[in-house]
Amino acid sequence: MSNWLRWVVTLVIAIAAGTWYGLHPSVPPVVFYIGLFIVVFGVSIFPVVYLTYFSKNMNRVEKFMLRSSHKPYYAVTLDLINGRIKEAEQRIAQIKHEQQRLAMQISIDY
């Protein structure tokens, strides 16, 4: 899902939620805003989660990995997938999160 499509879907959800809340004001505002946040967060994160964990279409996964290769985690993952162990070892220091860095280090050492 492209960014503009994600924004359009988010806008449609926001308009529909605002209209629904205007017609049903008995719902507490905190519950409404928490629910709206969860829905918008789900819409914005779903494409990445689906592509990285559930997709069986390797062409789409590869395109996603190439588009995201400017991020160190995806760059190291792409290097490992393509068998470039030396490049992955060099880039692993760029990963800021310790758990991700350790997971990639285990993948390299294994």
N, C-alpha and C. Protein backbone atom coordinates (compact mmCIF):
# COMPACT_ATOMS: atom_id res chain seq x y z
N MET A 1 0.86 -1.17 0.00
CA MET A 1 0.00 0.00 0.00
C MET A 1 0.90 1.23 0.00
N SER A 2 0.67 2.11 -0.94
CA SER A 2 1.50 3.31 -1.02
C SER A 2 1.11 4.31 0.06
N ASN A 3 1.98 5.27 0.28
CA ASN A 3 1.75 6.25 1.33
C ASN A 3 0.50 7.08 1.08
N TRP A 4 0.27 7.49 -0.16
CA TRP A 4 -0.91 8.34 -0.43
C TRP A 4 -2.19 7.55 -0.22
N LEU A 5 -2.18 6.26 -0.56
CA LEU A 5 -3.36 5.43 -0.34
C LEU A 5 -3.60 5.23 1.15
N ARG A 6 -2.52 5.07 1.90
CA ARG A 6 -2.63 4.94 3.36
C ARG A 6 -3.22 6.20 3.97
N TRP A 7 -2.81 7.37 3.47
CA TRP A 7 -3.36 8.64 3.96
C TRP A 7 -4.83 8.78 3.60
N VAL A 8 -5.21 8.36 2.41
CA VAL A 8 -6.61 8.44 1.99
C VAL A 8 -7.47 7.53 2.85
N VAL A 9 -7.00 6.31 3.10
CA VAL A 9 -7.76 5.39 3.96
C VAL A 9 -7.88 5.96 5.37
N THR A 10 -6.80 6.53 5.89
CA THR A 10 -6.84 7.14 7.22
C THR A 10 -7.82 8.31 7.26
N LEU A 11 -7.83 9.13 6.21
CA LEU A 11 -8.76 10.26 6.14
C LEU A 11 -10.21 9.78 6.10
N VAL A 12 -10.48 8.76 5.31
CA VAL A 12 -11.84 8.22 5.23
C VAL A 12 -12.28 7.66 6.58
N ILE A 13 -11.37 6.95 7.25
CA ILE A 13 -11.69 6.41 8.58
C ILE A 13 -11.97 7.54 9.55
N ALA A 14 -11.16 8.60 9.51
CA ALA A 14 -11.35 9.73 10.43
C ALA A 14 -12.68 10.43 10.18
N ILE A 15 -13.05 10.61 8.91
CA ILE A 15 -14.32 11.25 8.59
C ILE A 15 -15.50 10.37 9.03
N ALA A 16 -15.38 9.06 8.76
CA ALA A 16 -16.45 8.15 9.17
C ALA A 16 -16.56 8.09 10.70
N ALA A 17 -15.42 8.06 11.38
CA ALA A 17 -15.45 8.01 12.85
C ALA A 17 -16.02 9.30 13.42
N GLY A 18 -15.64 10.43 12.85
CA GLY A 18 -16.19 11.71 13.33
C GLY A 18 -17.68 11.81 13.12
N THR A 19 -18.15 11.34 11.97
CA THR A 19 -19.58 11.34 11.70
C THR A 19 -20.31 10.41 12.66
N TRP A 20 -19.75 9.21 12.87
CA TRP A 20 -20.38 8.26 13.79
C TRP A 20 -20.43 8.82 15.20
N TYR A 21 -19.32 9.43 15.64
CA TYR A 21 -19.28 9.99 16.99
C TYR A 21 -20.24 11.16 17.13
N GLY A 22 -20.42 11.93 16.08
CA GLY A 22 -21.38 13.03 16.11
C GLY A 22 -22.81 12.55 16.25
N LEU A 23 -23.10 11.36 15.69
CA LEU A 23 -24.44 10.80 15.78
C LEU A 23 -24.66 9.99 17.06
N HIS A 24 -23.59 9.57 17.71
CA HIS A 24 -23.67 8.77 18.93
C HIS A 24 -22.81 9.41 20.02
N PRO A 25 -23.22 10.53 20.56
CA PRO A 25 -22.37 11.23 21.53
C PRO A 25 -22.35 10.57 22.92
N SER A 26 -23.06 9.46 23.10
CA SER A 26 -23.09 8.83 24.41
C SER A 26 -21.80 8.05 24.71
N VAL A 27 -20.98 7.81 23.70
CA VAL A 27 -19.71 7.11 23.90
C VAL A 27 -18.73 8.08 24.56
N PRO A 28 -18.05 7.65 25.62
CA PRO A 28 -17.08 8.55 26.27
C PRO A 28 -15.95 8.93 25.31
N PRO A 29 -15.52 10.18 25.35
CA PRO A 29 -14.48 10.63 24.41
C PRO A 29 -13.18 9.83 24.51
N VAL A 30 -12.80 9.42 25.72
CA VAL A 30 -11.56 8.66 25.88
C VAL A 30 -11.63 7.34 25.13
N VAL A 31 -12.74 6.65 25.24
CA VAL A 31 -12.93 5.38 24.55
C VAL A 31 -12.91 5.59 23.04
N PHE A 32 -13.56 6.65 22.58
CA PHE A 32 -13.59 6.95 21.15
C PHE A 32 -12.18 7.22 20.62
N TYR A 33 -11.41 8.05 21.32
CA TYR A 33 -10.07 8.41 20.83
C TYR A 33 -9.11 7.23 20.90
N ILE A 34 -9.23 6.40 21.92
CA ILE A 34 -8.38 5.20 21.99
C ILE A 34 -8.72 4.24 20.85
N GLY A 35 -10.00 4.04 20.61
CA GLY A 35 -10.41 3.18 19.50
C GLY A 35 -9.96 3.72 18.16
N LEU A 36 -10.10 5.02 17.97
CA LEU A 36 -9.67 5.63 16.71
C LEU A 36 -8.16 5.50 16.54
N PHE A 37 -7.41 5.68 17.61
CA PHE A 37 -5.95 5.53 17.54
C PHE A 37 -5.58 4.11 17.14
N ILE A 38 -6.24 3.13 17.73
CA ILE A 38 -5.93 1.73 17.41
C ILE A 38 -6.24 1.43 15.95
N VAL A 39 -7.35 1.92 15.45
CA VAL A 39 -7.71 1.66 14.05
C VAL A 39 -6.73 2.34 13.09
N VAL A 40 -6.40 3.60 13.35
CA VAL A 40 -5.47 4.32 12.47
C VAL A 40 -4.08 3.68 12.54
N PHE A 41 -3.64 3.30 13.73
CA PHE A 41 -2.34 2.63 13.87
C PHE A 41 -2.34 1.31 13.11
N GLY A 42 -3.42 0.57 13.21
CA GLY A 42 -3.52 -0.70 12.49
C GLY A 42 -3.47 -0.52 10.99
N VAL A 43 -4.15 0.50 10.48
CA VAL A 43 -4.14 0.76 9.04
C VAL A 43 -2.74 1.17 8.57
N SER A 44 -2.05 1.94 9.38
CA SER A 44 -0.74 2.42 8.95
C SER A 44 0.35 1.35 9.07
N ILE A 45 0.24 0.41 10.00
CA ILE A 45 1.29 -0.58 10.20
C ILE A 45 1.00 -1.91 9.51
N PHE A 46 -0.25 -2.17 9.14
CA PHE A 46 -0.63 -3.45 8.55
C PHE A 46 0.17 -3.82 7.29
N PRO A 47 0.39 -2.92 6.34
CA PRO A 47 1.12 -3.32 5.13
C PRO A 47 2.54 -3.82 5.42
N VAL A 48 3.22 -3.18 6.33
CA VAL A 48 4.59 -3.60 6.66
C VAL A 48 4.57 -4.96 7.35
N VAL A 49 3.67 -5.15 8.29
CA VAL A 49 3.60 -6.42 9.00
C VAL A 49 3.20 -7.54 8.05
N TYR A 50 2.24 -7.29 7.18
CA TYR A 50 1.81 -8.31 6.24
C TYR A 50 2.95 -8.70 5.30
N LEU A 51 3.63 -7.71 4.74
CA LEU A 51 4.70 -8.01 3.80
C LEU A 51 5.87 -8.73 4.46
N THR A 52 6.23 -8.34 5.65
CA THR A 52 7.41 -8.93 6.27
C THR A 52 7.15 -10.28 6.92
N TYR A 53 5.93 -10.58 7.34
CA TYR A 53 5.68 -11.81 8.06
C TYR A 53 4.76 -12.81 7.36
N PHE A 54 3.81 -12.35 6.57
CA PHE A 54 2.79 -13.26 6.05
C PHE A 54 2.76 -13.43 4.54
N SER A 55 3.40 -12.55 3.80
CA SER A 55 3.31 -12.60 2.35
C SER A 55 4.10 -13.77 1.78
N LYS A 56 3.54 -14.42 0.80
CA LYS A 56 4.22 -15.51 0.10
C LYS A 56 4.73 -15.05 -1.27
N ASN A 57 4.41 -13.81 -1.65
CA ASN A 57 4.84 -13.26 -2.92
C ASN A 57 6.25 -12.66 -2.74
N MET A 58 7.26 -13.41 -3.14
CA MET A 58 8.64 -13.00 -2.90
C MET A 58 9.05 -11.79 -3.74
N ASN A 59 8.39 -11.56 -4.86
CA ASN A 59 8.70 -10.36 -5.65
C ASN A 59 8.32 -9.10 -4.88
N ARG A 60 7.15 -9.11 -4.24
CA ARG A 60 6.72 -7.95 -3.44
C ARG A 60 7.61 -7.77 -2.22
N VAL A 61 7.99 -8.89 -1.59
CA VAL A 61 8.87 -8.80 -0.42
C VAL A 61 10.22 -8.22 -0.82
N GLU A 62 10.76 -8.68 -1.95
CA GLU A 62 12.05 -8.17 -2.42
C GLU A 62 11.97 -6.69 -2.75
N LYS A 63 10.89 -6.25 -3.40
CA LYS A 63 10.73 -4.82 -3.70
C LYS A 63 10.64 -4.01 -2.41
N PHE A 64 9.91 -4.53 -1.42
CA PHE A 64 9.82 -3.85 -0.13
C PHE A 64 11.19 -3.75 0.52
N MET A 65 11.95 -4.84 0.50
CA MET A 65 13.28 -4.84 1.10
C MET A 65 14.21 -3.86 0.39
N LEU A 66 14.14 -3.79 -0.93
CA LEU A 66 14.97 -2.84 -1.67
C LEU A 66 14.57 -1.40 -1.37
N ARG A 67 13.26 -1.14 -1.27
CA ARG A 67 12.80 0.21 -0.92
C ARG A 67 13.22 0.61 0.48
N SER A 68 13.28 -0.36 1.38
CA SER A 68 13.59 -0.08 2.78
C SER A 68 15.07 -0.27 3.11
N SER A 69 15.90 -0.50 2.12
CA SER A 69 17.31 -0.82 2.39
C SER A 69 18.10 0.37 2.92
N HIS A 70 17.53 1.57 2.95
CA HIS A 70 18.22 2.70 3.55
C HIS A 70 18.20 2.61 5.07
N LYS A 71 17.34 1.76 5.62
CA LYS A 71 17.31 1.52 7.07
C LYS A 71 18.28 0.37 7.37
N PRO A 72 19.11 0.51 8.39
CA PRO A 72 20.16 -0.49 8.64
C PRO A 72 19.64 -1.91 8.86
N TYR A 73 18.53 -2.08 9.56
CA TYR A 73 18.01 -3.42 9.81
C TYR A 73 17.68 -4.13 8.50
N TYR A 74 16.98 -3.44 7.62
CA TYR A 74 16.61 -4.05 6.34
C TYR A 74 17.82 -4.23 5.44
N ALA A 75 18.80 -3.33 5.54
CA ALA A 75 20.02 -3.47 4.74
C ALA A 75 20.79 -4.73 5.15
N VAL A 76 20.92 -4.96 6.45
CA VAL A 76 21.61 -6.16 6.93
C VAL A 76 20.82 -7.40 6.53
N THR A 77 19.51 -7.36 6.67
CA THR A 77 18.68 -8.51 6.29
C THR A 77 18.83 -8.81 4.80
N LEU A 78 18.83 -7.77 3.98
CA LEU A 78 19.00 -7.96 2.53
C LEU A 78 20.37 -8.53 2.21
N ASP A 79 21.40 -8.07 2.92
CA ASP A 79 22.73 -8.63 2.71
C ASP A 79 22.76 -10.11 3.08
N LEU A 80 22.13 -10.47 4.17
CA LEU A 80 22.11 -11.88 4.58
C LEU A 80 21.33 -12.74 3.59
N ILE A 81 20.23 -12.21 3.10
CA ILE A 81 19.42 -12.97 2.13
C ILE A 81 20.22 -13.24 0.86
N ASN A 82 20.99 -12.24 0.43
CA ASN A 82 21.76 -12.38 -0.80
C ASN A 82 23.13 -13.01 -0.59
N GLY A 83 23.44 -13.45 0.65
CA GLY A 83 24.68 -14.16 0.91
C GLY A 83 25.90 -13.27 1.07
N ARG A 84 25.70 -12.00 1.29
CA ARG A 84 26.84 -11.07 1.46
C ARG A 84 27.11 -10.91 2.96
N ILE A 85 27.79 -11.91 3.52
CA ILE A 85 28.03 -11.96 4.97
C ILE A 85 28.97 -10.84 5.41
N LYS A 86 30.02 -10.58 4.66
CA LYS A 86 31.00 -9.54 5.03
C LYS A 86 30.34 -8.16 5.10
N GLU A 87 29.51 -7.84 4.11
CA GLU A 87 28.81 -6.55 4.11
C GLU A 87 27.85 -6.46 5.29
N ALA A 88 27.20 -7.57 5.60
CA ALA A 88 26.26 -7.58 6.73
C ALA A 88 27.01 -7.35 8.04
N GLU A 89 28.18 -7.96 8.19
CA GLU A 89 28.97 -7.75 9.40
C GLU A 89 29.40 -6.30 9.54
N GLN A 90 29.70 -5.65 8.43
CA GLN A 90 30.11 -4.24 8.48
C GLN A 90 28.95 -3.32 8.81
N ARG A 91 27.77 -3.63 8.32
CA ARG A 91 26.60 -2.76 8.54
C ARG A 91 25.92 -2.99 9.88
N ILE A 92 26.24 -4.09 10.53
CA ILE A 92 25.52 -4.43 11.76
C ILE A 92 25.74 -3.39 12.86
N ALA A 93 26.85 -2.69 12.83
CA ALA A 93 27.13 -1.66 13.85
C ALA A 93 26.20 -0.45 13.69
N GLN A 94 25.58 -0.29 12.53
CA GLN A 94 24.69 0.84 12.29
C GLN A 94 23.32 0.66 12.94
N ILE A 95 22.97 -0.57 13.31
CA ILE A 95 21.67 -0.83 13.93
C ILE A 95 21.69 -0.29 15.35
N LYS A 96 20.75 0.57 15.67
CA LYS A 96 20.74 1.24 16.97
C LYS A 96 20.15 0.39 18.09
N HIS A 97 19.14 -0.40 17.79
CA HIS A 97 18.47 -1.19 18.81
C HIS A 97 19.29 -2.45 19.11
N GLU A 98 19.59 -2.63 20.38
CA GLU A 98 20.47 -3.73 20.77
C GLU A 98 19.88 -5.10 20.46
N GLN A 99 18.57 -5.27 20.68
CA GLN A 99 17.95 -6.57 20.41
C GLN A 99 17.99 -6.91 18.92
N GLN A 100 17.74 -5.92 18.06
CA GLN A 100 17.82 -6.17 16.63
C GLN A 100 19.26 -6.49 16.22
N ARG A 101 20.21 -5.75 16.81
CA ARG A 101 21.61 -5.98 16.47
C ARG A 101 22.03 -7.39 16.90
N LEU A 102 21.61 -7.82 18.09
CA LEU A 102 21.95 -9.16 18.55
C LEU A 102 21.29 -10.23 17.70
N ALA A 103 20.04 -10.01 17.28
CA ALA A 103 19.36 -10.98 16.42
C ALA A 103 20.08 -11.12 15.09
N MET A 104 20.52 -10.01 14.54
CA MET A 104 21.26 -10.08 13.27
C MET A 104 22.62 -10.72 13.47
N GLN A 105 23.27 -10.46 14.61
CA GLN A 105 24.56 -11.07 14.90
C GLN A 105 24.44 -12.58 15.02
N ILE A 106 23.36 -13.03 15.65
CA ILE A 106 23.11 -14.47 15.75
C ILE A 106 22.92 -15.07 14.36
N SER A 107 22.21 -14.35 13.50
CA SER A 107 22.00 -14.85 12.13
C SER A 107 23.31 -14.95 11.38
N ILE A 108 24.21 -14.01 11.62
CA ILE A 108 25.51 -14.05 10.94
C ILE A 108 26.38 -15.17 11.50
N ASP A 109 26.39 -15.31 12.81
CA ASP A 109 27.26 -16.31 13.44
C ASP A 109 26.77 -17.73 13.23
N TYR A 110 25.48 -17.89 13.02
CA TYR A 110 24.91 -19.22 12.86
C TYR A 110 25.23 -19.75 11.49
